[in-house]
C-alpha atoms as a PDB file:
ATOM      1  CA  MET A   1       0.000   0.000   0.000  1.00  0.00           C
ATOM      2  CA  THR A   2       1.072   3.586  -0.604  1.00  0.00           C
ATOM      3  CA  ASP A   3       1.544   6.123   2.156  1.00  0.00           C
ATOM      4  CA  GLU A   4      -1.775   7.730   1.162  1.00  0.00           C
ATOM      5  CA  THR A   5      -3.815   4.522   1.377  1.00  0.00           C
ATOM      6  CA  CYS A   6      -2.224   3.696   4.741  1.00  0.00           C
ATOM      7  CA  GLN A   7      -3.033   7.113   6.218  1.00  0.00           C
ATOM      8  CA  TRP A   8      -5.720   7.221   8.917  1.00  0.00           C
ATOM      9  CA  GLN A   9      -8.112  10.181   8.742  1.00  0.00           C
ATOM     10  CA  GLY A  10     -11.443  11.196  10.148  1.00  0.00           C
ATOM     11  CA  TRP A  11     -14.347  10.564   7.788  1.00  0.00           C
ATOM     12  CA  ARG A  12     -14.855  14.259   7.149  1.00  0.00           C
ATOM     13  CA  GLN A  13     -11.321  14.774   5.869  1.00  0.00           C
ATOM     14  CA  ALA A  14     -11.322  11.504   3.944  1.00  0.00           C
ATOM     15  CA  THR A  15     -14.665  12.325   2.281  1.00  0.00           C
ATOM     16  CA  GLU A  16     -13.529  15.816   1.322  1.00  0.00           C
ATOM     17  CA  ARG A  17     -10.520  14.359  -0.457  1.00  0.00           C
ATOM     18  CA  ALA A  18     -12.435  11.522  -2.088  1.00  0.00           C
ATOM     19  CA  LEU A  19     -15.294  13.661  -3.410  1.00  0.00           C
ATOM     20  CA  TYR A  20     -13.677  17.017  -4.099  1.00  0.00           C
ATOM     21  CA  GLY A  21      -9.902  16.520  -4.126  1.00  0.00           C
ATOM     22  CA  PRO A  22      -7.790  15.993  -7.283  1.00  0.00           C
ATOM     23  CA  GLY A  23      -9.614  13.445  -9.407  1.00  0.00           C
ATOM     24  CA  GLY A  24     -12.465  13.437  -6.877  1.00  0.00           C
ATOM     25  CA  PHE A  25     -15.720  11.650  -7.565  1.00  0.00           C
ATOM     26  CA  TYR A  26     -17.826  14.818  -7.924  1.00  0.00           C
ATOM     27  CA  LEU A  27     -15.364  16.524 -10.251  1.00  0.00           C
ATOM     28  CA  ARG A  28     -15.652  13.868 -12.953  1.00  0.00           C
ATOM     29  CA  PRO A  29     -17.212  14.887 -16.290  1.00  0.00           C
ATOM     30  CA  GLU A  30     -20.223  12.540 -16.021  1.00  0.00           C
ATOM     31  CA  GLY A  31     -21.406  14.195 -12.808  1.00  0.00           C
ATOM     32  CA  PRO A  32     -23.899  12.713 -10.341  1.00  0.00           C
ATOM     33  CA  ALA A  33     -26.322  11.668 -13.095  1.00  0.00           C
ATOM     34  CA  GLY A  34     -23.785   9.083 -14.231  1.00  0.00           C
ATOM     35  CA  HIS A  35     -24.181   7.180 -10.969  1.00  0.00           C
ATOM     36  CA  PHE A  36     -27.623   7.728  -9.440  1.00  0.00           C
ATOM     37  CA  ARG A  37     -31.048   9.216 -10.124  1.00  0.00           C
ATOM     38  CA  THR A  38     -32.246  12.221  -8.202  1.00  0.00           C
ATOM     39  CA  SER A  39     -35.753  13.655  -8.415  1.00  0.00           C
ATOM     40  CA  VAL A  40     -34.441  16.019 -11.105  1.00  0.00           C
ATOM     41  CA  HIS A  41     -33.465  13.081 -13.306  1.00  0.00           C
ATOM     42  CA  ALA A  42     -36.559  11.010 -12.483  1.00  0.00           C
ATOM     43  CA  SER A  43     -39.110  13.313 -14.114  1.00  0.00           C
ATOM     44  CA  PRO A  44     -39.529  16.781 -15.653  1.00  0.00           C
ATOM     45  CA  LEU A  45     -42.478  17.166 -13.284  1.00  0.00           C
ATOM     46  CA  PHE A  46     -39.970  17.958 -10.527  1.00  0.00           C
ATOM     47  CA  ALA A  47     -38.524  20.933 -12.411  1.00  0.00           C
ATOM     48  CA  ALA A  48     -42.041  22.069 -13.308  1.00  0.00           C
ATOM     49  CA  ALA A  49     -42.901  22.048  -9.591  1.00  0.00           C
ATOM     50  CA  VAL A  50     -39.788  24.094  -8.787  1.00  0.00           C
ATOM     51  CA  ALA A  51     -40.806  26.523 -11.534  1.00  0.00           C
ATOM     52  CA  ARG A  52     -44.225  26.933  -9.906  1.00  0.00           C
ATOM     53  CA  LEU A  53     -42.554  27.448  -6.543  1.00  0.00           C
ATOM     54  CA  LEU A  54     -40.320  30.102  -8.098  1.00  0.00           C
ATOM     55  CA  GLY A  55     -43.438  31.823  -9.417  1.00  0.00           C
ATOM     56  CA  GLU A  56     -44.942  31.808  -5.924  1.00  0.00           C
ATOM     57  CA  VAL A  57     -41.790  33.406  -4.530  1.00  0.00           C
ATOM     58  CA  ALA A  58     -41.836  36.060  -7.268  1.00  0.00           C
ATOM     59  CA  ASP A  59     -45.456  36.870  -6.389  1.00  0.00           C
ATOM     60  CA  GLU A  60     -44.541  37.150  -2.708  1.00  0.00           C
ATOM     61  CA  LEU A  61     -41.729  39.552  -3.591  1.00  0.00           C
ATOM     62  CA  GLY A  62     -43.968  41.516  -5.954  1.00  0.00           C
ATOM     63  CA  THR A  63     -41.615  41.217  -8.913  1.00  0.00           C
ATOM     64  CA  ALA A  64     -41.372  39.580 -12.336  1.00  0.00           C
ATOM     65  CA  GLU A  65     -37.561  39.401 -12.051  1.00  0.00           C
ATOM     66  CA  VAL A  66     -36.392  36.723  -9.663  1.00  0.00           C
ATOM     67  CA  ASP A  67     -33.211  34.838  -8.778  1.00  0.00           C
ATOM     68  CA  LEU A  68     -32.991  31.049  -8.759  1.00  0.00           C
ATOM     69  CA  VAL A  69     -29.914  29.717  -6.972  1.00  0.00           C
ATOM     70  CA  ASP A  70     -29.358  25.963  -7.375  1.00  0.00           C
ATOM     71  CA  VAL A  71     -26.890  24.789  -4.712  1.00  0.00           C
ATOM     72  CA  GLY A  72     -25.238  21.497  -5.609  1.00  0.00           C
ATOM     73  CA  ALA A  73     -26.284  21.980  -9.216  1.00  0.00           C
ATOM     74  CA  GLY A  74     -24.707  18.849 -10.681  1.00  0.00           C
ATOM     75  CA  ARG A  75     -24.362  19.684 -14.351  1.00  0.00           C
ATOM     76  CA  GLY A  76     -27.143  22.272 -14.412  1.00  0.00           C
ATOM     77  CA  GLU A  77     -29.990  19.887 -15.218  1.00  0.00           C
ATOM     78  CA  LEU A  78     -32.542  21.464 -12.865  1.00  0.00           C
ATOM     79  CA  LEU A  79     -31.802  25.039 -13.910  1.00  0.00           C
ATOM     80  CA  THR A  80     -31.964  24.122 -17.591  1.00  0.00           C
ATOM     81  CA  SER A  81     -35.379  22.545 -17.116  1.00  0.00           C
ATOM     82  CA  VAL A  82     -36.759  25.390 -14.961  1.00  0.00           C
ATOM     83  CA  LEU A  83     -35.647  27.978 -17.527  1.00  0.00           C
ATOM     84  CA  ALA A  84     -37.478  25.993 -20.204  1.00  0.00           C
ATOM     85  CA  ALA A  85     -40.587  25.706 -18.015  1.00  0.00           C
ATOM     86  CA  THR A  86     -40.723  29.461 -17.373  1.00  0.00           C
ATOM     87  CA  GLU A  87     -40.076  30.466 -20.990  1.00  0.00           C
ATOM     88  CA  GLY A  88     -42.752  32.859 -22.204  1.00  0.00           C
ATOM     89  CA  GLY A  89     -44.501  32.953 -18.852  1.00  0.00           C
ATOM     90  CA  GLY A  90     -43.719  36.566 -18.028  1.00  0.00           C
ATOM     91  CA  LEU A  91     -41.043  35.715 -15.473  1.00  0.00           C
ATOM     92  CA  THR A  92     -37.440  36.842 -15.889  1.00  0.00           C
ATOM     93  CA  VAL A  93     -35.161  34.334 -14.125  1.00  0.00           C
ATOM     94  CA  ARG A  94     -31.566  35.033 -13.158  1.00  0.00           C
ATOM     95  CA  ALA A  95     -30.126  31.536 -12.763  1.00  0.00           C
ATOM     96  CA  TYR A  96     -27.088  30.635 -10.653  1.00  0.00           C
ATOM     97  CA  ALA A  97     -25.535  27.157 -10.543  1.00  0.00           C
ATOM     98  CA  VAL A  98     -23.496  26.641  -7.366  1.00  0.00           C
ATOM     99  CA  GLU A  99     -21.126  23.733  -7.903  1.00  0.00           C
ATOM    100  CA  ARG A 100     -17.499  22.820  -7.244  1.00  0.00           C
ATOM    101  CA  ALA A 101     -17.044  21.008 -10.555  1.00  0.00           C
ATOM    102  CA  ALA A 102     -16.143  22.886 -13.742  1.00  0.00           C
ATOM    103  CA  ARG A 103     -18.876  24.392 -15.898  1.00  0.00           C
ATOM    104  CA  PRO A 104     -20.070  21.777 -18.400  1.00  0.00           C
ATOM    105  CA  ALA A 105     -19.734  22.452 -22.109  1.00  0.00           C
ATOM    106  CA  GLY A 106     -22.866  23.605 -23.891  1.00  0.00           C
ATOM    107  CA  LEU A 107     -24.700  24.823 -20.805  1.00  0.00           C
ATOM    108  CA  ASP A 108     -27.309  27.539 -21.368  1.00  0.00           C
ATOM    109  CA  PRO A 109     -25.380  30.846 -21.319  1.00  0.00           C
ATOM    110  CA  ARG A 110     -28.077  32.399 -19.126  1.00  0.00           C
ATOM    111  CA  ILE A 111     -26.863  30.229 -16.245  1.00  0.00           C
ATOM    112  CA  GLU A 112     -24.089  31.772 -14.163  1.00  0.00           C
ATOM    113  CA  TRP A 113     -21.657  29.137 -12.838  1.00  0.00           C
ATOM    114  CA  THR A 114     -20.146  29.788  -9.416  1.00  0.00           C
ATOM    115  CA  ASP A 115     -18.619  27.886  -6.501  1.00  0.00           C
ATOM    116  CA  ARG A 116     -20.633  29.712  -3.829  1.00  0.00           C
ATOM    117  CA  PRO A 117     -24.107  31.242  -3.509  1.00  0.00           C
ATOM    118  CA  PRO A 118     -24.269  34.862  -4.711  1.00  0.00           C
ATOM    119  CA  ARG A 119     -24.732  37.420  -1.978  1.00  0.00           C
ATOM    120  CA  GLY A 120     -27.946  39.424  -1.963  1.00  0.00           C
ATOM    121  CA  ALA A 121     -30.059  37.139  -4.155  1.00  0.00           C
ATOM    122  CA  ARG A 122     -33.793  37.831  -4.167  1.00  0.00           C
ATOM    123  CA  GLY A 123     -35.826  34.762  -4.989  1.00  0.00           C
ATOM    124  CA  LEU A 124     -35.483  31.025  -4.429  1.00  0.00           C
ATOM    125  CA  LEU A 125     -32.411  29.206  -3.165  1.00  0.00           C
ATOM    126  CA  PHE A 126     -32.905  25.491  -3.853  1.00  0.00           C
ATOM    127  CA  ALA A 127     -30.547  22.753  -2.629  1.00  0.00           C
ATOM    128  CA  ASN A 128     -31.553  19.303  -3.878  1.00  0.00           C
ATOM    129  CA  GLU A 129     -29.401  16.495  -2.460  1.00  0.00           C
ATOM    130  CA  TRP A 130     -26.602  18.881  -1.535  1.00  0.00           C
ATOM    131  CA  LEU A 131     -26.322  18.630   2.240  1.00  0.00           C
ATOM    132  CA  ASP A 132     -25.936  14.841   2.197  1.00  0.00           C
ATOM    133  CA  ASN A 133     -22.641  15.357   0.362  1.00  0.00           C
ATOM    134  CA  VAL A 134     -21.277  17.967   2.774  1.00  0.00           C
ATOM    135  CA  PRO A 135     -18.545  15.904   4.493  1.00  0.00           C
ATOM    136  CA  VAL A 136     -19.019  15.063   8.165  1.00  0.00           C
ATOM    137  CA  ASP A 137     -17.153  13.118  10.803  1.00  0.00           C
ATOM    138  CA  VAL A 138     -18.488   9.793  12.093  1.00  0.00           C
ATOM    139  CA  ALA A 139     -18.632   8.902  15.800  1.00  0.00           C
ATOM    140  CA  GLU A 140     -19.086   5.530  17.499  1.00  0.00           C
ATOM    141  CA  ALA A 141     -19.544   4.482  21.122  1.00  0.00           C
ATOM    142  CA  ASP A 142     -16.873   1.991  22.141  1.00  0.00           C
ATOM    143  CA  ALA A 143     -17.341  -1.064  24.404  1.00  0.00           C
ATOM    144  CA  GLU A 144     -17.172   1.127  27.522  1.00  0.00           C
ATOM    145  CA  GLY A 145     -19.621   3.661  26.099  1.00  0.00           C
ATOM    146  CA  THR A 146     -17.014   6.330  25.318  1.00  0.00           C
ATOM    147  CA  VAL A 147     -17.944   8.143  22.098  1.00  0.00           C
ATOM    148  CA  ARG A 148     -14.965   8.248  19.726  1.00  0.00           C
ATOM    149  CA  TYR A 149     -14.234   9.534  16.253  1.00  0.00           C
ATOM    150  CA  VAL A 150     -14.141   6.843  13.586  1.00  0.00           C
ATOM    151  CA  GLU A 151     -10.969   6.954  11.502  1.00  0.00           C
ATOM    152  CA  VAL A 152     -10.677   5.425   8.037  1.00  0.00           C
ATOM    153  CA  ARG A 153      -8.081   4.599   5.418  1.00  0.00           C
ATOM    154  CA  ALA A 154      -8.530   5.040   1.673  1.00  0.00           C
ATOM    155  CA  ASP A 155      -9.316   1.326   1.340  1.00  0.00           C
ATOM    156  CA  GLY A 156     -12.287   1.693   3.719  1.00  0.00           C
ATOM    157  CA  THR A 157     -10.692   0.037   6.760  1.00  0.00           C
ATOM    158  CA  GLU A 158     -11.857   1.704   9.986  1.00  0.00           C
ATOM    159  CA  ARG A 159     -10.663   2.066  13.572  1.00  0.00           C
ATOM    160  CA  LEU A 160     -11.777   4.079  16.582  1.00  0.00           C
ATOM    161  CA  GLY A 161      -9.772   7.200  17.345  1.00  0.00           C
ATOM    162  CA  ALA A 162      -9.800   9.897  20.007  1.00  0.00           C
ATOM    163  CA  PRO A 163     -12.842  10.642  22.180  1.00  0.00           C
ATOM    164  CA  VAL A 164     -15.252  13.196  20.740  1.00  0.00           C
ATOM    165  CA  SER A 165     -15.060  16.470  22.647  1.00  0.00           C
ATOM    166  CA  GLY A 166     -15.885  20.166  22.443  1.00  0.00           C
ATOM    167  CA  PRO A 167     -18.582  21.447  20.055  1.00  0.00           C
ATOM    168  CA  ASP A 168     -18.871  18.041  18.341  1.00  0.00           C
ATOM    169  CA  ALA A 169     -19.687  16.380  21.674  1.00  0.00           C
ATOM    170  CA  GLU A 170     -22.190  19.126  22.446  1.00  0.00           C
ATOM    171  CA  TRP A 171     -23.858  18.621  19.059  1.00  0.00           C
ATOM    172  CA  LEU A 172     -24.164  14.880  19.630  1.00  0.00           C
ATOM    173  CA  ALA A 173     -25.587  15.392  23.119  1.00  0.00           C
ATOM    174  CA  ARG A 174     -28.281  17.672  21.738  1.00  0.00           C
ATOM    175  CA  TRP A 175     -29.090  16.065  18.418  1.00  0.00           C
ATOM    176  CA  TRP A 176     -27.859  12.480  18.318  1.00  0.00           C
ATOM    177  CA  PRO A 177     -26.879  10.981  21.686  1.00  0.00           C
ATOM    178  CA  LEU A 178     -25.086   7.613  21.504  1.00  0.00           C
ATOM    179  CA  ARG A 179     -26.072   5.507  24.490  1.00  0.00           C
ATOM    180  CA  GLU A 180     -25.176   1.934  23.492  1.00  0.00           C
ATOM    181  CA  PRO A 181     -21.800   0.398  22.575  1.00  0.00           C
ATOM    182  CA  GLY A 182     -21.521   0.177  18.787  1.00  0.00           C
ATOM    183  CA  ALA A 183     -24.031   2.963  18.137  1.00  0.00           C
ATOM    184  CA  ARG A 184     -22.874   5.370  15.430  1.00  0.00           C
ATOM    185  CA  ALA A 185     -23.737   8.869  14.265  1.00  0.00           C
ATOM    186  CA  GLU A 186     -22.710  11.387  11.660  1.00  0.00           C
ATOM    187  CA  ILE A 187     -21.796  14.692  13.347  1.00  0.00           C
ATOM    188  CA  GLY A 188     -23.854  17.234  11.438  1.00  0.00           C
ATOM    189  CA  ARG A 189     -22.244  20.510  12.523  1.00  0.00           C
ATOM    190  CA  PRO A 190     -20.636  21.206   9.097  1.00  0.00           C
ATOM    191  CA  ARG A 191     -24.026  20.814   7.445  1.00  0.00           C
ATOM    192  CA  ASP A 192     -25.666  23.145   9.939  1.00  0.00           C
ATOM    193  CA  ARG A 193     -23.030  25.774   9.138  1.00  0.00           C
ATOM    194  CA  ALA A 194     -23.286  25.208   5.393  1.00  0.00           C
ATOM    195  CA  TRP A 195     -27.056  25.613   5.433  1.00  0.00           C
ATOM    196  CA  ALA A 196     -26.905  28.704   7.645  1.00  0.00           C
ATOM    197  CA  ALA A 197     -24.394  30.295   5.259  1.00  0.00           C
ATOM    198  CA  ALA A 198     -26.539  29.478   2.227  1.00  0.00           C
ATOM    199  CA  VAL A 199     -29.656  30.982   3.798  1.00  0.00           C
ATOM    200  CA  ALA A 200     -27.675  34.074   4.885  1.00  0.00           C
ATOM    201  CA  SER A 201     -26.783  34.735   1.238  1.00  0.00           C
ATOM    202  CA  LEU A 202     -30.437  35.503   0.454  1.00  0.00           C
ATOM    203  CA  ALA A 203     -31.641  39.075   0.725  1.00  0.00           C
ATOM    204  CA  ALA A 204     -35.263  37.963   0.393  1.00  0.00           C
ATOM    205  CA  GLY A 205     -37.284  34.956  -0.683  1.00  0.00           C
ATOM    206  CA  ARG A 206     -37.243  31.311   0.293  1.00  0.00           C
ATOM    207  CA  ALA A 207     -34.489  28.774   0.926  1.00  0.00           C
ATOM    208  CA  VAL A 208     -35.337  25.106   0.396  1.00  0.00           C
ATOM    209  CA  ALA A 209     -33.173  22.077   1.221  1.00  0.00           C
ATOM    210  CA  VAL A 210     -34.359  18.705  -0.097  1.00  0.00           C
ATOM    211  CA  ASP A 211     -32.657  15.530   1.079  1.00  0.00           C
ATOM    212  CA  TYR A 212     -32.947  12.068   2.516  1.00  0.00           C
ATOM    213  CA  ALA A 213     -33.041  13.046   6.155  1.00  0.00           C
ATOM    214  CA  HIS A 214     -34.067  12.151   9.683  1.00  0.00           C
ATOM    215  CA  VAL A 215     -35.124  13.942  12.856  1.00  0.00           C
ATOM    216  CA  ARG A 216     -34.139  13.368  16.476  1.00  0.00           C
ATOM    217  CA  ALA A 217     -36.949  10.936  17.204  1.00  0.00           C
ATOM    218  CA  SER A 218     -35.951   8.599  14.361  1.00  0.00           C
ATOM    219  CA  ARG A 219     -32.162   8.613  13.985  1.00  0.00           C
ATOM    220  CA  PRO A 220     -30.669   5.461  12.421  1.00  0.00           C
ATOM    221  CA  PRO A 221     -28.968   3.583  15.291  1.00  0.00           C
ATOM    222  CA  PHE A 222     -25.809   2.821  13.314  1.00  0.00           C
ATOM    223  CA  GLY A 223     -25.675   5.935  11.146  1.00  0.00           C
ATOM    224  CA  SER A 224     -26.408   6.049   7.427  1.00  0.00           C
ATOM    225  CA  LEU A 225     -23.033   6.495   5.733  1.00  0.00           C
ATOM    226  CA  THR A 226     -22.932   4.569   2.448  1.00  0.00           C
ATOM    227  CA  GLY A 227     -21.562   4.654  -1.084  1.00  0.00           C
ATOM    228  CA  PHE A 228     -23.067   4.668  -4.582  1.00  0.00           C
ATOM    229  CA  ARG A 229     -21.493   3.786  -7.897  1.00  0.00           C
ATOM    230  CA  ALA A 230     -23.135   3.309 -11.309  1.00  0.00           C
ATOM    231  CA  GLY A 231     -26.610   3.147  -9.802  1.00  0.00           C
ATOM    232  CA  ARG A 232     -25.771   0.621  -7.086  1.00  0.00           C
ATOM    233  CA  GLU A 233     -25.255   0.979  -3.366  1.00  0.00           C
ATOM    234  CA  VAL A 234     -21.710  -0.043  -2.431  1.00  0.00           C
ATOM    235  CA  PRO A 235     -19.595   0.009   0.756  1.00  0.00           C
ATOM    236  CA  PRO A 236     -18.361   3.536   1.565  1.00  0.00           C
ATOM    237  CA  VAL A 237     -14.713   3.563   0.511  1.00  0.00           C
ATOM    238  CA  PRO A 238     -13.037   7.016   0.421  1.00  0.00           C
ATOM    239  CA  ASP A 239     -10.773   6.392  -2.567  1.00  0.00           C
ATOM    240  CA  GLY A 240     -12.646   8.532  -5.112  1.00  0.00           C
ATOM    241  CA  SER A 241     -14.282   5.531  -6.782  1.00  0.00           C
ATOM    242  CA  CYS A 242     -17.817   6.122  -5.428  1.00  0.00           C
ATOM    243  CA  ASP A 243     -20.176   8.688  -4.021  1.00  0.00           C
ATOM    244  CA  LEU A 244     -20.107   9.024  -0.229  1.00  0.00           C
ATOM    245  CA  THR A 245     -23.373  10.100   1.319  1.00  0.00           C
ATOM    246  CA  ALA A 246     -25.163  10.119   4.655  1.00  0.00           C
ATOM    247  CA  HIS A 247     -28.694  11.181   5.483  1.00  0.00           C
ATOM    248  CA  VAL A 248     -29.054  14.655   6.968  1.00  0.00           C
ATOM    249  CA  ALA A 249     -30.115  15.603  10.499  1.00  0.00           C
ATOM    250  CA  LEU A 250     -32.335  18.213   8.918  1.00  0.00           C
ATOM    251  CA  ASP A 251     -33.963  19.299  12.179  1.00  0.00           C
ATOM    252  CA  ALA A 252     -30.523  20.411  13.364  1.00  0.00           C
ATOM    253  CA  CYS A 253     -30.057  22.401  10.149  1.00  0.00           C
ATOM    254  CA  GLU A 254     -33.473  23.963  10.734  1.00  0.00           C
ATOM    255  CA  ALA A 255     -32.479  25.032  14.250  1.00  0.00           C
ATOM    256  CA  ALA A 256     -29.227  26.559  12.948  1.00  0.00           C
ATOM    257  CA  VAL A 257     -31.212  29.182  11.019  1.00  0.00           C
ATOM    258  CA  ARG A 258     -34.154  31.186  12.213  1.00  0.00           C
ATOM    259  CA  PRO A 259     -35.303  33.320   9.285  1.00  0.00           C
ATOM    260  CA  GLY A 260     -37.763  36.035  10.230  1.00  0.00           C
ATOM    261  CA  GLY A 261     -40.427  34.344   8.109  1.00  0.00           C
ATOM    262  CA  GLY A 262     -40.210  30.971   9.883  1.00  0.00           C
ATOM    263  CA  THR A 263     -39.395  27.435   8.750  1.00  0.00           C
ATOM    264  CA  GLU A 264     -41.231  24.282   7.771  1.00  0.00           C
ATOM    265  CA  LEU A 265     -40.148  20.638   7.479  1.00  0.00           C
ATOM    266  CA  VAL A 266     -42.415  18.344   5.405  1.00  0.00           C
ATOM    267  CA  PRO A 267     -42.053  15.168   3.309  1.00  0.00           C
ATOM    268  CA  GLN A 268     -41.517  15.569  -0.415  1.00  0.00           C
ATOM    269  CA  ARG A 269     -44.856  13.892  -1.169  1.00  0.00           C
ATOM    270  CA  GLU A 270     -46.641  16.719   0.656  1.00  0.00           C
ATOM    271  CA  ALA A 271     -44.473  19.502  -0.750  1.00  0.00           C
ATOM    272  CA  LEU A 272     -44.954  18.325  -4.339  1.00  0.00           C
ATOM    273  CA  ARG A 273     -48.673  17.799  -3.996  1.00  0.00           C
ATOM    274  CA  ARG A 274     -48.996  21.395  -2.875  1.00  0.00           C
ATOM    275  CA  LEU A 275     -47.243  22.295  -6.130  1.00  0.00           C
ATOM    276  CA  GLY A 276     -49.622  20.281  -8.272  1.00  0.00           C
ATOM    277  CA  VAL A 277     -47.705  16.995  -8.600  1.00  0.00           C
ATOM    278  CA  SER A 278     -50.103  14.100  -8.005  1.00  0.00           C
ATOM    279  CA  GLY A 279     -49.880  10.385  -8.700  1.00  0.00           C
ATOM    280  CA  GLU A 280     -53.613  10.123  -9.370  1.00  0.00           C
ATOM    281  CA  ARG A 281     -54.572   8.347 -12.588  1.00  0.00           C
ATOM    282  CA  PRO A 282     -56.625  10.324 -15.129  1.00  0.00           C
ATOM    283  CA  PRO A 283     -60.309   9.404 -15.467  1.00  0.00           C
ATOM    284  CA  LEU A 284     -60.827   6.392 -17.708  1.00  0.00           C
ATOM    285  CA  ALA A 285     -63.465   8.286 -19.701  1.00  0.00           C
ATOM    286  CA  LEU A 286     -60.681  10.487 -21.072  1.00  0.00           C
ATOM    287  CA  ALA A 287     -59.301   7.467 -22.926  1.00  0.00           C
ATOM    288  CA  SER A 288     -62.406   7.514 -25.114  1.00  0.00           C
ATOM    289  CA  THR A 289     -62.755  11.251 -25.630  1.00  0.00           C
ATOM    290  CA  ASP A 290     -59.053  12.147 -26.012  1.00  0.00           C
ATOM    291  CA  PRO A 291     -56.782   9.072 -26.132  1.00  0.00           C
ATOM    292  CA  ALA A 292     -53.568  11.072 -26.649  1.00  0.00           C
ATOM    293  CA  ALA A 293     -54.269  13.265 -23.619  1.00  0.00           C
ATOM    294  CA  TYR A 294     -55.097  10.171 -21.588  1.00  0.00           C
ATOM    295  CA  VAL A 295     -51.749   8.575 -22.445  1.00  0.00           C
ATOM    296  CA  ARG A 296     -49.862  11.783 -21.571  1.00  0.00           C
ATOM    297  CA  ARG A 297     -51.640  12.172 -18.250  1.00  0.00           C
ATOM    298  CA  LEU A 298     -51.171   8.499 -17.444  1.00  0.00           C
ATOM    299  CA  ALA A 299     -47.424   8.859 -18.024  1.00  0.00           C
ATOM    300  CA  ASP A 300     -47.367  11.959 -15.823  1.00  0.00           C
ATOM    301  CA  ALA A 301     -49.222  10.074 -13.084  1.00  0.00           C
ATOM    302  CA  GLY A 302     -46.605   7.319 -13.162  1.00  0.00           C
ATOM    303  CA  GLU A 303     -43.746   9.792 -12.876  1.00  0.00           C
ATOM    304  CA  ALA A 304     -45.549  11.692 -10.127  1.00  0.00           C
ATOM    305  CA  ALA A 305     -46.057   8.448  -8.251  1.00  0.00           C
ATOM    306  CA  GLU A 306     -42.292   7.829  -8.317  1.00  0.00           C
ATOM    307  CA  LEU A 307     -41.569  11.332  -7.020  1.00  0.00           C
ATOM    308  CA  THR A 308     -44.035  10.964  -4.151  1.00  0.00           C
ATOM    309  CA  ALA A 309     -43.681   7.251  -3.332  1.00  0.00           C
ATOM    310  CA  ARG A 310     -43.322   6.069   0.247  1.00  0.00           C
ATOM    311  CA  GLY A 311     -40.066   4.198   0.711  1.00  0.00           C
ATOM    312  CA  GLY A 312     -38.522   6.152  -2.162  1.00  0.00           C
ATOM    313  CA  LEU A 313     -38.230   9.739  -3.356  1.00  0.00           C
ATOM    314  CA  GLY A 314     -41.404  10.730  -1.523  1.00  0.00           C
ATOM    315  CA  ASP A 315     -39.566  10.179   1.761  1.00  0.00           C
ATOM    316  CA  PHE A 316     -37.223  13.072   1.151  1.00  0.00           C
ATOM    317  CA  LEU A 317     -37.739  15.934   3.576  1.00  0.00           C
ATOM    318  CA  TRP A 318     -38.123  19.525   2.401  1.00  0.00           C
ATOM    319  CA  LEU A 319     -36.821  22.179   4.778  1.00  0.00           C
ATOM    320  CA  THR A 320     -38.176  25.585   3.798  1.00  0.00           C
ATOM    321  CA  GLY A 321     -37.141  28.865   5.336  1.00  0.00           C
ATOM    322  CA  ARG A 322     -38.725  32.178   4.420  1.00  0.00           C
ATOM    323  CA  VAL A 323     -36.446  35.218   4.327  1.00  0.00           C
ATOM    324  CA  PRO A 324     -38.469  38.449   4.447  1.00  0.00           C
ATOM    325  CA  ALA A 325     -37.289  41.445   2.457  1.00  0.00           C
ATOM    326  CA  THR A 326     -37.109  43.517   5.634  1.00  0.00           C
ATOM    327  CA  ARG A 327     -34.365  41.306   7.075  1.00  0.00           C
ATOM    328  CA  SER A 328     -31.298  43.373   7.998  1.00  0.00           C
END
């Protein structure tokens, strides 16, 4: 083994290198879509729902010119689809793709590519499956109940390291206490800070984070760190060969930000239904009166069902924070 593969690191440092370091998984040309399906890739109905949400935000702000900031933009798929959905609708959209990878060739020139959210945006900040890829450390309670950092090598081998202390220990005590030997947790402080910083970039509008997530009453007892490669779940190995992801303690992110307009945490199935995405089949009578429309609506119902399904994409949580224009 090389010196690098033999090196022990905390999971946060190892994940940062594996995902975003030289040759990192997320900097590859194929992007996330080459390895797994998000709601954006599953159906254009998702982008249409975001477009409707953007329209609602524009109405709230009393303007026809609105910013759309896509944090963790992949290769710009969501922004491209939202721009198409709002074409000719009377809304002028200033689109920002926030991503650490290089700008892809052929992307719509209206989309500004940046590595951080623009300051002072007025509109909708949307982060779909971003926070789960913000690197975090992993903790585990040892045989005596002492909570320790989990260290890892590039080949995925783990060992227990130093006891968790300071702000990390305080975060665990509040949000994810480990009471049994072998219990594990992902320490979500970096995600709390990342979300707070993203929301703070908005001058007015709404900030929405969408992710596989959990709340304090239903934490996974052994954590949720895993890997994905080419559409399959694989062991989490921080060598740059796979995605590394862990579900988000989204209630902790919610508590890290208190926008003046309040926050809300709801399942994706509820959020999308509010935006007109329903898995209901069209009436059978339509098949006789307008067969082509029936087929189109039946296809839409199938895609909507995937986006809202229990045990699947419908289990995502949407964290929404409203940022009033009067915020200082």
